[in-house]
Amino acid sequence: MPNHSEQIVVTVDDSHVSNIESVAVALGTVGMQVANILATSGIITGAVDQEKLVSLRSVAGVANVESDGEMRAI
C-alpha cells in the first residue's frame, strides 16, 4: 500500500521559537519535508507520510501538529 503524504502545520512551543531552525531540522530527521519556517509566528509547514505523523509530536519543541486544511471565505 503506498504512503500518503499529508500537508501539515507544526506549532513550535514558546521556549523553542528562538531555535526554530533546529526544530525544523529535527522534524526533517523523523520524516517531515519542511516547506516553510515562519520564525516570527513559531510555525513550520510541510508534508509528512501519514505513518510518520505521530512521531513528529515527540520532537522537542513541538507544541502541536495539525493538518493544513483549505481555508474558505464565507
C-alpha atoms as a PDB file:
ATOM      1  CA  MET A   1       0.000   0.000   0.000  1.00  0.00           C
ATOM      2  CA  PRO A   2       1.554   3.373  -0.953  1.00  0.00           C
ATOM      3  CA  ASN A   3       2.270   6.023   1.655  1.00  0.00           C
ATOM      4  CA  HIS A   4       0.035   9.062   1.582  1.00  0.00           C
ATOM      5  CA  SER A   5       1.690  12.384   2.252  1.00  0.00           C
ATOM      6  CA  GLU A   6      -0.260  14.913   4.287  1.00  0.00           C
ATOM      7  CA  GLN A   7       0.238  18.683   4.354  1.00  0.00           C
ATOM      8  CA  ILE A   8       0.748  19.788   7.951  1.00  0.00           C
ATOM      9  CA  VAL A   9       1.312  22.801  10.169  1.00  0.00           C
ATOM     10  CA  VAL A  10       3.582  22.439  13.193  1.00  0.00           C
ATOM     11  CA  THR A  11       3.365  24.941  16.045  1.00  0.00           C
ATOM     12  CA  VAL A  12       6.617  25.391  17.956  1.00  0.00           C
ATOM     13  CA  ASP A  13       6.359  25.977  21.709  1.00  0.00           C
ATOM     14  CA  ASP A  14       7.367  29.389  23.023  1.00  0.00           C
ATOM     15  CA  SER A  15      10.539  28.147  24.689  1.00  0.00           C
ATOM     16  CA  HIS A  16      11.872  26.801  21.364  1.00  0.00           C
ATOM     17  CA  VAL A  17      10.874  29.591  18.945  1.00  0.00           C
ATOM     18  CA  SER A  18      14.345  31.138  19.192  1.00  0.00           C
ATOM     19  CA  ASN A  19      15.726  27.777  17.953  1.00  0.00           C
ATOM     20  CA  ILE A  20      13.044  27.131  15.322  1.00  0.00           C
ATOM     21  CA  GLU A  21      15.658  26.162  12.719  1.00  0.00           C
ATOM     22  CA  SER A  22      16.867  23.337  14.986  1.00  0.00           C
ATOM     23  CA  VAL A  23      13.291  22.159  15.488  1.00  0.00           C
ATOM     24  CA  ALA A  24      12.838  22.126  11.687  1.00  0.00           C
ATOM     25  CA  VAL A  25      15.998  20.034  11.279  1.00  0.00           C
ATOM     26  CA  ALA A  26      14.777  17.590  13.932  1.00  0.00           C
ATOM     27  CA  LEU A  27      11.399  17.324  12.176  1.00  0.00           C
ATOM     28  CA  GLY A  28      13.232  16.560   8.946  1.00  0.00           C
ATOM     29  CA  THR A  29      15.166  13.728  10.575  1.00  0.00           C
ATOM     30  CA  VAL A  30      11.912  11.987  11.512  1.00  0.00           C
ATOM     31  CA  GLY A  31      10.468  12.304   8.023  1.00  0.00           C
ATOM     32  CA  MET A  32       8.904  15.741   7.571  1.00  0.00           C
ATOM     33  CA  GLN A  33       9.567  17.559   4.320  1.00  0.00           C
ATOM     34  CA  VAL A  34       9.854  21.127   5.611  1.00  0.00           C
ATOM     35  CA  ALA A  35       8.436  23.715   3.201  1.00  0.00           C
ATOM     36  CA  ASN A  36       8.359  26.959   5.215  1.00  0.00           C
ATOM     37  CA  ILE A  37       9.698  28.215   8.516  1.00  0.00           C
ATOM     38  CA  LEU A  38       7.755  31.184   9.857  1.00  0.00           C
ATOM     39  CA  ALA A  39      10.062  32.196  12.708  1.00  0.00           C
ATOM     40  CA  THR A  40       8.061  35.204  13.872  1.00  0.00           C
ATOM     41  CA  SER A  41       4.908  33.089  14.210  1.00  0.00           C
ATOM     42  CA  GLY A  42       6.577  29.932  15.520  1.00  0.00           C
ATOM     43  CA  ILE A  43       5.112  27.891  12.659  1.00  0.00           C
ATOM     44  CA  ILE A  44       6.701  25.265  10.398  1.00  0.00           C
ATOM     45  CA  THR A  45       4.780  23.964   7.384  1.00  0.00           C
ATOM     46  CA  GLY A  46       5.431  20.976   5.186  1.00  0.00           C
ATOM     47  CA  ALA A  47       4.405  17.432   4.432  1.00  0.00           C
ATOM     48  CA  VAL A  48       4.861  14.035   6.021  1.00  0.00           C
ATOM     49  CA  ASP A  49       3.788  10.465   5.298  1.00  0.00           C
ATOM     50  CA  GLN A  50       0.750   9.657   7.442  1.00  0.00           C
ATOM     51  CA  GLU A  51       2.578   6.763   9.086  1.00  0.00           C
ATOM     52  CA  LYS A  52       5.223   9.183  10.444  1.00  0.00           C
ATOM     53  CA  LEU A  53       2.772  11.836  11.648  1.00  0.00           C
ATOM     54  CA  VAL A  54       2.662  10.601  15.253  1.00  0.00           C
ATOM     55  CA  SER A  55       6.469  10.668  15.587  1.00  0.00           C
ATOM     56  CA  LEU A  56       6.523  14.425  14.895  1.00  0.00           C
ATOM     57  CA  ARG A  57       4.722  15.106  18.170  1.00  0.00           C
ATOM     58  CA  SER A  58       7.646  13.670  20.142  1.00  0.00           C
ATOM     59  CA  VAL A  59      10.193  16.120  18.675  1.00  0.00           C
ATOM     60  CA  ALA A  60      11.494  18.570  21.284  1.00  0.00           C
ATOM     61  CA  GLY A  61       9.912  21.977  20.803  1.00  0.00           C
ATOM     62  CA  VAL A  62       6.756  20.793  19.053  1.00  0.00           C
ATOM     63  CA  ALA A  63       3.614  22.128  20.712  1.00  0.00           C
ATOM     64  CA  ASN A  64       1.082  20.944  18.127  1.00  0.00           C
ATOM     65  CA  VAL A  65       0.810  19.162  14.773  1.00  0.00           C
ATOM     66  CA  GLU A  66      -2.293  19.573  12.627  1.00  0.00           C
ATOM     67  CA  SER A  67      -3.466  19.065   9.068  1.00  0.00           C
ATOM     68  CA  ASP A  68      -3.087  22.057   6.789  1.00  0.00           C
ATOM     69  CA  GLY A  69      -6.667  22.196   5.568  1.00  0.00           C
ATOM     70  CA  GLU A  70      -8.092  24.520   2.967  1.00  0.00           C
ATOM     71  CA  MET A  71      -9.422  27.841   4.134  1.00  0.00           C
ATOM     72  CA  ARG A  72     -12.537  29.198   2.520  1.00  0.00           C
ATOM     73  CA  ALA A  73     -14.036  32.636   2.719  1.00  0.00           C
ATOM     74  CA  ILE A  74     -17.662  32.780   3.712  1.00  0.00           C
END
